[in-house]
């Protein structure tokens, strides 16, 4: 994980050195998103190519799992979890056509999970993001993202780590630009 973070830092430094060429350079905004999590964050257009987006997020899920027991018949178990997390996205604009911008990038994330049956679990990971951002007004943009996610999870009752891989619909959101 340490090597991955160093590699991502080097890529960010290299691509961040590209000179500012367009109207988005220096733009700062506040974004709100919903999807696999509900989040709020900031958007910093460092130049025409590089965008940094720190955010905090929350998720809540309630589930009912049912199974058949030959002695007692159908049994159901209710469970729930809440997730509180922070993330940092590094996005690279790939193209711009009028008000539409396509981008790709990655996001480092760290969160705490509270399960109904286990507390103090934590999860860290990285996800690759692909998205489109559309400026509906000079100070307002809508965006949508999808991607692939890898996470590693550990809880307080086990020394083992659990790795997860999968797809994610990271966000449908809106950014309000202040500058």
N, C-alpha and C. Protein backbone atom coordinates (compact mmCIF):
# COMPACT_ATOMS: atom_id res chain seq x y z
N UNK A 1 0.83 -1.19 0.00
CA UNK A 1 0.00 0.00 0.00
C UNK A 1 0.87 1.25 0.00
N UNK A 2 2.00 1.21 0.74
CA UNK A 2 2.90 2.36 0.81
C UNK A 2 3.48 2.67 -0.56
N UNK A 3 3.91 1.65 -1.30
CA UNK A 3 4.46 1.87 -2.65
C UNK A 3 3.41 2.48 -3.58
N UNK A 4 2.16 2.03 -3.44
CA UNK A 4 1.09 2.55 -4.28
C UNK A 4 0.89 4.04 -4.02
N UNK A 5 0.89 4.44 -2.76
CA UNK A 5 0.69 5.85 -2.42
C UNK A 5 1.86 6.70 -2.94
N UNK A 6 3.09 6.20 -2.84
CA UNK A 6 4.25 6.94 -3.36
C UNK A 6 4.13 7.08 -4.88
N UNK A 7 3.74 6.01 -5.56
CA UNK A 7 3.57 6.06 -7.02
C UNK A 7 2.51 7.06 -7.44
N UNK A 8 1.41 7.09 -6.71
CA UNK A 8 0.34 8.04 -7.01
C UNK A 8 0.82 9.47 -6.77
N UNK A 9 1.60 9.68 -5.72
CA UNK A 9 2.15 11.01 -5.46
C UNK A 9 3.07 11.48 -6.57
N UNK A 10 3.90 10.58 -7.10
CA UNK A 10 4.80 10.93 -8.21
C UNK A 10 4.00 11.28 -9.45
N UNK A 11 2.97 10.48 -9.77
CA UNK A 11 2.13 10.78 -10.94
C UNK A 11 1.44 12.13 -10.79
N UNK A 12 0.93 12.40 -9.59
CA UNK A 12 0.28 13.69 -9.36
C UNK A 12 1.25 14.84 -9.56
N UNK A 13 2.48 14.70 -9.06
CA UNK A 13 3.49 15.74 -9.22
C UNK A 13 3.83 15.95 -10.70
N UNK A 14 4.01 14.85 -11.44
CA UNK A 14 4.37 14.96 -12.85
C UNK A 14 3.27 15.62 -13.67
N UNK A 15 2.01 15.14 -13.50
CA UNK A 15 0.92 15.71 -14.27
C UNK A 15 0.54 17.10 -13.77
N UNK A 16 0.77 17.38 -12.50
CA UNK A 16 0.46 18.69 -11.95
C UNK A 16 1.35 19.79 -12.48
N UNK A 17 2.49 19.44 -13.05
CA UNK A 17 3.41 20.42 -13.59
C UNK A 17 3.03 20.94 -14.95
N UNK A 18 1.99 20.39 -15.57
CA UNK A 18 1.55 20.85 -16.89
C UNK A 18 1.00 22.26 -16.75
N UNK A 19 1.38 23.19 -17.61
CA UNK A 19 0.95 24.57 -17.45
C UNK A 19 -0.56 24.77 -17.60
N UNK A 20 -1.07 25.76 -16.94
CA UNK A 20 -2.50 26.07 -17.01
C UNK A 20 -2.81 26.67 -18.38
N UNK A 21 -3.85 26.14 -19.02
CA UNK A 21 -4.18 26.57 -20.37
C UNK A 21 -5.62 27.04 -20.55
N UNK A 22 -6.51 26.74 -19.61
CA UNK A 22 -7.93 26.98 -19.90
C UNK A 22 -8.61 27.74 -18.77
N UNK A 23 -9.91 27.95 -18.97
CA UNK A 23 -10.70 28.75 -18.05
C UNK A 23 -10.89 28.10 -16.69
N UNK A 24 -10.74 26.77 -16.56
CA UNK A 24 -10.95 26.11 -15.28
C UNK A 24 -9.76 26.24 -14.34
N UNK A 25 -8.60 26.63 -14.84
CA UNK A 25 -7.42 26.74 -13.98
C UNK A 25 -7.70 27.72 -12.85
N UNK A 26 -7.45 27.29 -11.61
CA UNK A 26 -7.67 28.13 -10.44
C UNK A 26 -9.08 28.10 -9.90
N UNK A 27 -10.01 27.39 -10.56
CA UNK A 27 -11.39 27.33 -10.07
C UNK A 27 -11.46 26.52 -8.77
N UNK A 28 -12.29 27.01 -7.85
CA UNK A 28 -12.50 26.36 -6.56
C UNK A 28 -14.01 26.22 -6.37
N UNK A 29 -14.43 25.04 -5.93
CA UNK A 29 -15.86 24.83 -5.74
C UNK A 29 -16.17 23.92 -4.56
N UNK A 30 -17.45 23.90 -4.22
CA UNK A 30 -17.98 23.00 -3.20
C UNK A 30 -18.86 22.00 -3.92
N UNK A 31 -18.66 20.71 -3.62
CA UNK A 31 -19.46 19.71 -4.31
C UNK A 31 -20.27 18.86 -3.34
N UNK A 32 -21.41 18.41 -3.83
CA UNK A 32 -22.31 17.53 -3.10
C UNK A 32 -22.57 16.33 -4.01
N UNK A 33 -22.51 15.12 -3.45
CA UNK A 33 -22.68 13.93 -4.27
C UNK A 33 -23.55 12.89 -3.59
N UNK A 34 -24.18 12.06 -4.40
CA UNK A 34 -24.96 10.92 -3.93
C UNK A 34 -24.68 9.77 -4.88
N UNK A 35 -24.70 8.59 -4.36
CA UNK A 35 -24.42 7.40 -5.15
C UNK A 35 -24.25 6.26 -4.18
N UNK A 36 -23.10 5.60 -4.21
CA UNK A 36 -22.86 4.55 -3.22
C UNK A 36 -22.67 5.14 -1.83
N UNK A 37 -22.36 6.43 -1.75
CA UNK A 37 -22.31 7.18 -0.49
C UNK A 37 -22.85 8.58 -0.73
N UNK A 38 -23.19 9.25 0.35
CA UNK A 38 -23.56 10.66 0.29
C UNK A 38 -22.33 11.44 0.75
N UNK A 39 -21.91 12.44 -0.04
CA UNK A 39 -20.68 13.13 0.31
C UNK A 39 -20.74 14.63 0.07
N UNK A 40 -19.81 15.31 0.73
CA UNK A 40 -19.62 16.74 0.53
C UNK A 40 -18.11 16.98 0.51
N UNK A 41 -17.68 17.89 -0.36
CA UNK A 41 -16.26 18.13 -0.46
C UNK A 41 -15.95 19.42 -1.19
N UNK A 42 -14.71 19.56 -1.56
CA UNK A 42 -14.24 20.73 -2.29
C UNK A 42 -13.59 20.27 -3.58
N UNK A 43 -13.56 21.15 -4.57
CA UNK A 43 -12.93 20.88 -5.85
C UNK A 43 -11.93 21.99 -6.13
N UNK A 44 -10.69 21.58 -6.44
CA UNK A 44 -9.64 22.54 -6.75
C UNK A 44 -9.07 22.21 -8.13
N UNK A 45 -9.29 23.08 -9.11
CA UNK A 45 -8.70 22.93 -10.44
C UNK A 45 -7.32 23.57 -10.39
N UNK A 46 -6.29 22.76 -10.21
CA UNK A 46 -4.94 23.29 -10.10
C UNK A 46 -4.43 23.84 -11.42
N UNK A 47 -4.84 23.23 -12.52
CA UNK A 47 -4.55 23.73 -13.85
C UNK A 47 -5.56 23.11 -14.81
N UNK A 48 -5.33 23.19 -16.10
CA UNK A 48 -6.27 22.68 -17.09
C UNK A 48 -6.41 21.16 -17.01
N UNK A 49 -5.41 20.48 -16.51
CA UNK A 49 -5.40 19.02 -16.52
C UNK A 49 -5.71 18.41 -15.16
N UNK A 50 -5.23 18.98 -14.09
CA UNK A 50 -5.26 18.34 -12.78
C UNK A 50 -6.31 18.96 -11.84
N UNK A 51 -7.13 18.08 -11.25
CA UNK A 51 -8.16 18.50 -10.30
C UNK A 51 -8.00 17.67 -9.03
N UNK A 52 -7.94 18.33 -7.87
CA UNK A 52 -7.94 17.64 -6.58
C UNK A 52 -9.30 17.82 -5.94
N UNK A 53 -9.79 16.73 -5.33
CA UNK A 53 -11.13 16.79 -4.73
C UNK A 53 -11.16 16.01 -3.41
N UNK A 54 -10.88 16.67 -2.28
CA UNK A 54 -11.07 16.02 -0.98
C UNK A 54 -12.55 16.01 -0.64
N UNK A 55 -12.98 14.98 0.10
CA UNK A 55 -14.39 14.91 0.49
C UNK A 55 -14.55 14.06 1.75
N UNK A 56 -15.67 14.25 2.41
CA UNK A 56 -16.09 13.37 3.49
C UNK A 56 -17.39 12.71 3.02
N UNK A 57 -17.65 11.49 3.51
CA UNK A 57 -18.85 10.80 3.05
C UNK A 57 -19.46 9.94 4.15
N UNK A 58 -20.69 9.54 3.91
CA UNK A 58 -21.48 8.77 4.85
C UNK A 58 -22.33 7.78 4.08
N UNK A 59 -22.54 6.61 4.66
CA UNK A 59 -23.42 5.61 4.06
C UNK A 59 -24.13 4.86 5.18
N UNK A 60 -25.36 4.46 4.94
CA UNK A 60 -26.14 3.68 5.90
C UNK A 60 -26.91 2.62 5.13
N UNK A 61 -26.88 1.40 5.62
CA UNK A 61 -27.59 0.31 4.96
C UNK A 61 -28.19 -0.61 6.00
N UNK A 62 -29.45 -0.95 5.80
CA UNK A 62 -30.12 -1.94 6.65
C UNK A 62 -30.48 -3.13 5.78
N UNK A 63 -30.25 -4.35 6.32
CA UNK A 63 -30.49 -5.57 5.55
C UNK A 63 -31.27 -6.56 6.39
N UNK A 64 -32.01 -7.43 5.72
CA UNK A 64 -32.65 -8.56 6.36
C UNK A 64 -32.26 -9.80 5.58
N UNK A 65 -31.62 -10.74 6.25
CA UNK A 65 -31.19 -11.99 5.63
C UNK A 65 -32.04 -13.12 6.19
N UNK A 66 -32.65 -13.88 5.31
CA UNK A 66 -33.50 -14.99 5.72
C UNK A 66 -32.91 -16.31 5.25
N UNK A 67 -33.09 -17.34 6.04
CA UNK A 67 -32.64 -18.68 5.68
C UNK A 67 -33.63 -19.69 6.25
N UNK A 68 -33.55 -20.91 5.76
CA UNK A 68 -34.45 -21.96 6.22
C UNK A 68 -33.70 -22.88 7.17
N UNK A 69 -34.27 -23.09 8.34
CA UNK A 69 -33.74 -24.00 9.34
C UNK A 69 -34.71 -25.17 9.45
N UNK A 70 -34.23 -26.42 9.32
CA UNK A 70 -35.12 -27.58 9.30
C UNK A 70 -35.86 -27.77 10.63
N UNK A 71 -35.32 -27.28 11.74
CA UNK A 71 -35.98 -27.41 13.03
C UNK A 71 -36.98 -26.27 13.30
N UNK A 72 -36.59 -25.05 12.92
CA UNK A 72 -37.39 -23.88 13.29
C UNK A 72 -38.07 -23.19 12.11
N UNK A 73 -37.86 -23.68 10.91
CA UNK A 73 -38.47 -23.05 9.74
C UNK A 73 -37.67 -21.86 9.26
N UNK A 74 -38.33 -20.91 8.68
CA UNK A 74 -37.65 -19.73 8.14
C UNK A 74 -37.26 -18.79 9.27
N UNK A 75 -36.00 -18.38 9.26
CA UNK A 75 -35.49 -17.44 10.26
C UNK A 75 -34.90 -16.25 9.53
N UNK A 76 -35.08 -15.08 10.09
CA UNK A 76 -34.55 -13.85 9.50
C UNK A 76 -33.68 -13.11 10.51
N UNK A 77 -32.63 -12.53 10.03
CA UNK A 77 -31.70 -11.76 10.86
C UNK A 77 -31.62 -10.35 10.28
N UNK A 78 -31.83 -9.36 11.12
CA UNK A 78 -31.70 -7.96 10.70
C UNK A 78 -30.31 -7.45 11.06
N UNK A 79 -29.70 -6.74 10.15
CA UNK A 79 -28.41 -6.14 10.43
C UNK A 79 -28.33 -4.79 9.72
N UNK A 80 -27.41 -3.97 10.18
CA UNK A 80 -27.23 -2.67 9.56
C UNK A 80 -25.79 -2.25 9.73
N UNK A 81 -25.38 -1.27 8.92
CA UNK A 81 -24.06 -0.68 9.11
C UNK A 81 -24.09 0.78 8.68
N UNK A 82 -23.16 1.53 9.25
CA UNK A 82 -22.94 2.92 8.90
C UNK A 82 -21.47 3.09 8.57
N UNK A 83 -21.19 3.90 7.58
CA UNK A 83 -19.82 4.18 7.17
C UNK A 83 -19.58 5.68 7.25
N UNK A 84 -18.45 6.07 7.86
CA UNK A 84 -18.01 7.46 7.91
C UNK A 84 -16.62 7.49 7.31
N UNK A 85 -16.39 8.32 6.30
CA UNK A 85 -15.08 8.27 5.68
C UNK A 85 -14.59 9.58 5.11
N UNK A 86 -13.31 9.55 4.73
CA UNK A 86 -12.66 10.66 4.04
C UNK A 86 -12.00 10.11 2.78
N UNK A 87 -11.90 10.95 1.77
CA UNK A 87 -11.30 10.52 0.51
C UNK A 87 -10.61 11.70 -0.16
N UNK A 88 -9.63 11.38 -0.98
CA UNK A 88 -8.94 12.38 -1.78
C UNK A 88 -8.85 11.87 -3.21
N UNK A 89 -9.49 12.58 -4.13
CA UNK A 89 -9.47 12.23 -5.54
C UNK A 89 -8.45 13.09 -6.27
N UNK A 90 -7.72 12.46 -7.17
CA UNK A 90 -6.85 13.16 -8.11
C UNK A 90 -7.38 12.84 -9.49
N UNK A 91 -7.87 13.85 -10.19
CA UNK A 91 -8.54 13.66 -11.47
C UNK A 91 -7.77 14.35 -12.58
N UNK A 92 -7.74 13.72 -13.75
CA UNK A 92 -7.03 14.25 -14.91
C UNK A 92 -8.04 14.46 -16.03
N UNK A 93 -8.23 15.72 -16.44
CA UNK A 93 -9.16 16.01 -17.53
C UNK A 93 -8.61 15.44 -18.83
N UNK A 94 -9.42 14.64 -19.52
CA UNK A 94 -8.99 13.99 -20.76
C UNK A 94 -9.38 14.80 -21.99
N UNK A 95 -10.59 15.38 -21.98
CA UNK A 95 -11.04 16.18 -23.12
C UNK A 95 -12.08 17.18 -22.65
N UNK A 96 -12.24 18.25 -23.42
CA UNK A 96 -13.29 19.24 -23.18
C UNK A 96 -13.91 19.60 -24.51
N UNK A 97 -15.23 19.48 -24.60
CA UNK A 97 -16.01 19.87 -25.78
C UNK A 97 -17.12 20.79 -25.31
N UNK A 98 -17.00 22.05 -25.64
CA UNK A 98 -17.95 23.06 -25.17
C UNK A 98 -18.01 23.03 -23.65
N UNK A 99 -19.14 22.65 -23.07
CA UNK A 99 -19.30 22.63 -21.61
C UNK A 99 -19.11 21.25 -21.01
N UNK A 100 -18.77 20.26 -21.82
CA UNK A 100 -18.61 18.87 -21.35
C UNK A 100 -17.14 18.50 -21.22
N UNK A 101 -16.75 17.96 -20.06
CA UNK A 101 -15.38 17.52 -19.83
C UNK A 101 -15.40 16.06 -19.39
N UNK A 102 -14.57 15.26 -20.04
CA UNK A 102 -14.38 13.87 -19.63
C UNK A 102 -13.10 13.76 -18.83
N UNK A 103 -13.09 12.94 -17.80
CA UNK A 103 -11.91 12.83 -16.95
C UNK A 103 -11.76 11.41 -16.40
N UNK A 104 -10.59 11.14 -15.92
CA UNK A 104 -10.29 9.89 -15.25
C UNK A 104 -9.36 10.19 -14.10
N UNK A 105 -9.22 9.24 -13.21
CA UNK A 105 -8.34 9.46 -12.09
C UNK A 105 -8.47 8.38 -11.06
N UNK A 106 -8.03 8.69 -9.86
CA UNK A 106 -8.07 7.72 -8.77
C UNK A 106 -8.46 8.43 -7.48
N UNK A 107 -8.91 7.64 -6.53
CA UNK A 107 -9.31 8.18 -5.24
C UNK A 107 -8.79 7.27 -4.14
N UNK A 108 -8.11 7.87 -3.17
CA UNK A 108 -7.69 7.16 -1.97
C UNK A 108 -8.78 7.36 -0.93
N UNK A 109 -9.17 6.29 -0.24
CA UNK A 109 -10.22 6.43 0.75
C UNK A 109 -9.88 5.70 2.04
N UNK A 110 -10.44 6.21 3.13
CA UNK A 110 -10.27 5.62 4.44
C UNK A 110 -11.57 5.84 5.20
N UNK A 111 -12.13 4.77 5.75
CA UNK A 111 -13.37 4.95 6.49
C UNK A 111 -13.49 4.01 7.67
N UNK A 112 -14.44 4.32 8.50
CA UNK A 112 -14.76 3.53 9.69
C UNK A 112 -16.16 2.97 9.50
N UNK A 113 -16.31 1.68 9.78
CA UNK A 113 -17.59 1.02 9.64
C UNK A 113 -18.12 0.61 11.00
N UNK A 114 -19.37 0.94 11.26
CA UNK A 114 -20.06 0.51 12.47
C UNK A 114 -21.14 -0.48 12.05
N UNK A 115 -20.91 -1.77 12.34
CA UNK A 115 -21.90 -2.80 12.05
C UNK A 115 -22.79 -2.99 13.26
N UNK A 116 -23.96 -3.54 13.04
CA UNK A 116 -24.84 -3.80 14.17
C UNK A 116 -24.26 -4.88 15.08
N UNK A 117 -23.37 -5.73 14.56
CA UNK A 117 -22.80 -6.81 15.35
C UNK A 117 -21.31 -6.65 15.62
N UNK A 118 -20.63 -5.71 14.99
CA UNK A 118 -19.19 -5.47 15.20
C UNK A 118 -18.96 -3.96 15.10
N UNK A 119 -18.20 -3.42 16.02
CA UNK A 119 -17.85 -2.01 15.89
C UNK A 119 -16.35 -1.90 15.68
N UNK A 120 -15.92 -0.71 15.38
CA UNK A 120 -14.50 -0.41 15.21
C UNK A 120 -13.84 -1.17 14.07
N UNK A 121 -14.55 -1.39 13.00
CA UNK A 121 -13.92 -1.92 11.80
C UNK A 121 -13.44 -0.72 10.98
N UNK A 122 -12.34 -0.86 10.26
CA UNK A 122 -11.86 0.21 9.39
C UNK A 122 -11.59 -0.37 8.01
N UNK A 123 -11.57 0.51 7.03
CA UNK A 123 -11.35 0.09 5.64
C UNK A 123 -10.55 1.17 4.94
N UNK A 124 -9.57 0.76 4.16
CA UNK A 124 -8.78 1.68 3.34
C UNK A 124 -8.73 1.12 1.94
N UNK A 125 -8.61 1.99 0.95
CA UNK A 125 -8.59 1.48 -0.41
C UNK A 125 -8.30 2.54 -1.44
N UNK A 126 -8.42 2.11 -2.67
CA UNK A 126 -8.23 2.99 -3.82
C UNK A 126 -9.25 2.62 -4.88
N UNK A 127 -9.69 3.61 -5.61
CA UNK A 127 -10.59 3.33 -6.72
C UNK A 127 -10.19 4.15 -7.93
N UNK A 128 -10.35 3.54 -9.09
CA UNK A 128 -10.16 4.24 -10.35
C UNK A 128 -11.49 4.81 -10.78
N UNK A 129 -11.51 6.08 -11.16
CA UNK A 129 -12.75 6.76 -11.53
C UNK A 129 -12.72 7.22 -12.98
N UNK A 130 -13.87 7.17 -13.61
CA UNK A 130 -14.07 7.71 -14.95
C UNK A 130 -15.36 8.50 -14.89
N UNK A 131 -15.36 9.72 -15.42
CA UNK A 131 -16.57 10.52 -15.30
C UNK A 131 -16.70 11.60 -16.34
N UNK A 132 -17.85 12.23 -16.33
CA UNK A 132 -18.17 13.37 -17.18
C UNK A 132 -18.66 14.51 -16.30
N UNK A 133 -18.22 15.72 -16.61
CA UNK A 133 -18.63 16.93 -15.89
C UNK A 133 -19.23 17.88 -16.93
N UNK A 134 -20.43 18.39 -16.67
CA UNK A 134 -21.11 19.29 -17.60
C UNK A 134 -21.42 20.61 -16.89
N UNK A 135 -20.91 21.71 -17.43
CA UNK A 135 -21.17 23.05 -16.88
C UNK A 135 -22.55 23.50 -17.35
N UNK A 136 -23.51 23.56 -16.44
CA UNK A 136 -24.85 24.02 -16.80
C UNK A 136 -24.96 25.53 -16.70
N UNK A 137 -24.05 26.16 -15.97
CA UNK A 137 -23.97 27.61 -15.82
C UNK A 137 -22.51 27.93 -15.49
N UNK A 138 -22.09 29.18 -15.60
CA UNK A 138 -20.69 29.50 -15.32
C UNK A 138 -20.20 29.05 -13.94
N UNK A 139 -21.09 29.02 -12.95
CA UNK A 139 -20.68 28.65 -11.59
C UNK A 139 -21.26 27.31 -11.12
N UNK A 140 -21.89 26.52 -12.01
CA UNK A 140 -22.52 25.26 -11.62
C UNK A 140 -22.17 24.17 -12.62
N UNK A 141 -21.74 23.02 -12.10
CA UNK A 141 -21.44 21.86 -12.95
C UNK A 141 -22.08 20.62 -12.35
N UNK A 142 -22.60 19.74 -13.21
CA UNK A 142 -23.11 18.44 -12.81
C UNK A 142 -22.10 17.39 -13.22
N UNK A 143 -21.95 16.33 -12.44
CA UNK A 143 -21.01 15.28 -12.82
C UNK A 143 -21.55 13.90 -12.44
N UNK A 144 -21.05 12.91 -13.14
CA UNK A 144 -21.38 11.52 -12.87
C UNK A 144 -20.13 10.68 -13.03
N UNK A 145 -19.97 9.66 -12.19
CA UNK A 145 -18.76 8.85 -12.19
C UNK A 145 -19.09 7.38 -12.01
N UNK A 146 -18.20 6.55 -12.49
CA UNK A 146 -18.23 5.10 -12.25
C UNK A 146 -16.79 4.65 -12.15
N UNK A 147 -16.56 3.47 -11.61
CA UNK A 147 -15.18 3.03 -11.50
C UNK A 147 -15.03 1.64 -10.91
N UNK A 148 -13.79 1.33 -10.61
CA UNK A 148 -13.41 0.06 -10.00
C UNK A 148 -12.78 0.35 -8.65
N UNK A 149 -13.10 -0.47 -7.64
CA UNK A 149 -12.65 -0.21 -6.28
C UNK A 149 -11.98 -1.44 -5.68
N UNK A 150 -10.87 -1.21 -4.95
CA UNK A 150 -10.23 -2.23 -4.13
C UNK A 150 -10.16 -1.67 -2.72
N UNK A 151 -10.57 -2.48 -1.72
CA UNK A 151 -10.47 -2.07 -0.33
C UNK A 151 -9.91 -3.20 0.52
N UNK A 152 -9.31 -2.83 1.63
CA UNK A 152 -8.82 -3.78 2.63
C UNK A 152 -9.48 -3.39 3.95
N UNK A 153 -10.10 -4.38 4.60
CA UNK A 153 -10.86 -4.12 5.82
C UNK A 153 -10.33 -4.97 6.97
N UNK A 154 -10.40 -4.41 8.16
CA UNK A 154 -10.00 -5.12 9.38
C UNK A 154 -10.92 -4.69 10.51
N UNK A 155 -11.31 -5.64 11.37
CA UNK A 155 -12.11 -5.26 12.53
C UNK A 155 -11.36 -5.59 13.81
N UNK A 156 -11.91 -5.16 14.92
CA UNK A 156 -11.22 -5.27 16.20
C UNK A 156 -11.12 -6.71 16.71
N UNK A 157 -11.90 -7.64 16.18
CA UNK A 157 -11.92 -9.01 16.69
C UNK A 157 -11.05 -9.97 15.90
N UNK A 158 -10.38 -9.50 14.86
CA UNK A 158 -9.62 -10.39 14.01
C UNK A 158 -8.29 -9.76 13.62
N UNK A 159 -7.28 -10.59 13.47
CA UNK A 159 -5.98 -10.13 12.98
C UNK A 159 -5.91 -10.22 11.46
N UNK A 160 -6.91 -10.83 10.84
CA UNK A 160 -6.93 -11.02 9.39
C UNK A 160 -7.50 -9.79 8.69
N UNK A 161 -7.04 -9.59 7.46
CA UNK A 161 -7.55 -8.53 6.61
C UNK A 161 -8.48 -9.16 5.58
N UNK A 162 -9.50 -8.41 5.17
CA UNK A 162 -10.42 -8.86 4.13
C UNK A 162 -10.28 -7.91 2.96
N UNK A 163 -9.89 -8.44 1.80
CA UNK A 163 -9.78 -7.63 0.58
C UNK A 163 -11.05 -7.75 -0.23
N UNK A 164 -11.50 -6.63 -0.78
CA UNK A 164 -12.70 -6.60 -1.62
C UNK A 164 -12.36 -5.91 -2.93
N UNK A 165 -12.94 -6.42 -4.01
CA UNK A 165 -12.78 -5.83 -5.33
C UNK A 165 -14.17 -5.67 -5.93
N UNK A 166 -14.36 -4.66 -6.73
CA UNK A 166 -15.66 -4.52 -7.37
C UNK A 166 -15.81 -3.22 -8.12
N UNK A 167 -16.98 -3.09 -8.70
CA UNK A 167 -17.32 -1.85 -9.42
C UNK A 167 -18.01 -0.91 -8.46
N UNK A 168 -18.01 0.35 -8.81
CA UNK A 168 -18.68 1.35 -7.98
C UNK A 168 -19.31 2.42 -8.86
N UNK A 169 -20.48 2.86 -8.47
CA UNK A 169 -21.06 4.06 -9.07
C UNK A 169 -20.76 5.15 -8.07
N UNK A 170 -19.63 5.77 -8.26
CA UNK A 170 -19.08 6.66 -7.24
C UNK A 170 -19.97 7.84 -6.93
N UNK A 171 -20.51 8.48 -7.94
CA UNK A 171 -21.25 9.68 -7.60
C UNK A 171 -22.05 10.23 -8.78
N UNK A 172 -23.12 10.84 -8.43
CA UNK A 172 -23.82 11.79 -9.28
C UNK A 172 -23.88 13.03 -8.41
N UNK A 173 -23.33 14.12 -8.91
CA UNK A 173 -23.22 15.26 -8.03
C UNK A 173 -23.30 16.60 -8.72
N UNK A 174 -23.19 17.62 -7.90
CA UNK A 174 -23.20 18.99 -8.38
C UNK A 174 -22.06 19.75 -7.70
N UNK A 175 -21.41 20.62 -8.45
CA UNK A 175 -20.35 21.47 -7.92
C UNK A 175 -20.76 22.92 -8.10
N UNK A 176 -20.70 23.68 -7.03
CA UNK A 176 -20.95 25.12 -7.07
C UNK A 176 -19.60 25.81 -6.97
N UNK A 177 -19.20 26.52 -8.02
CA UNK A 177 -17.88 27.16 -8.06
C UNK A 177 -17.95 28.52 -7.38
N UNK A 178 -16.95 28.76 -6.54
CA UNK A 178 -16.85 30.03 -5.81
C UNK A 178 -15.93 30.99 -6.54
N UNK A 179 -14.98 30.44 -7.25
CA UNK A 179 -13.99 31.26 -7.95
C UNK A 179 -13.85 30.79 -9.36
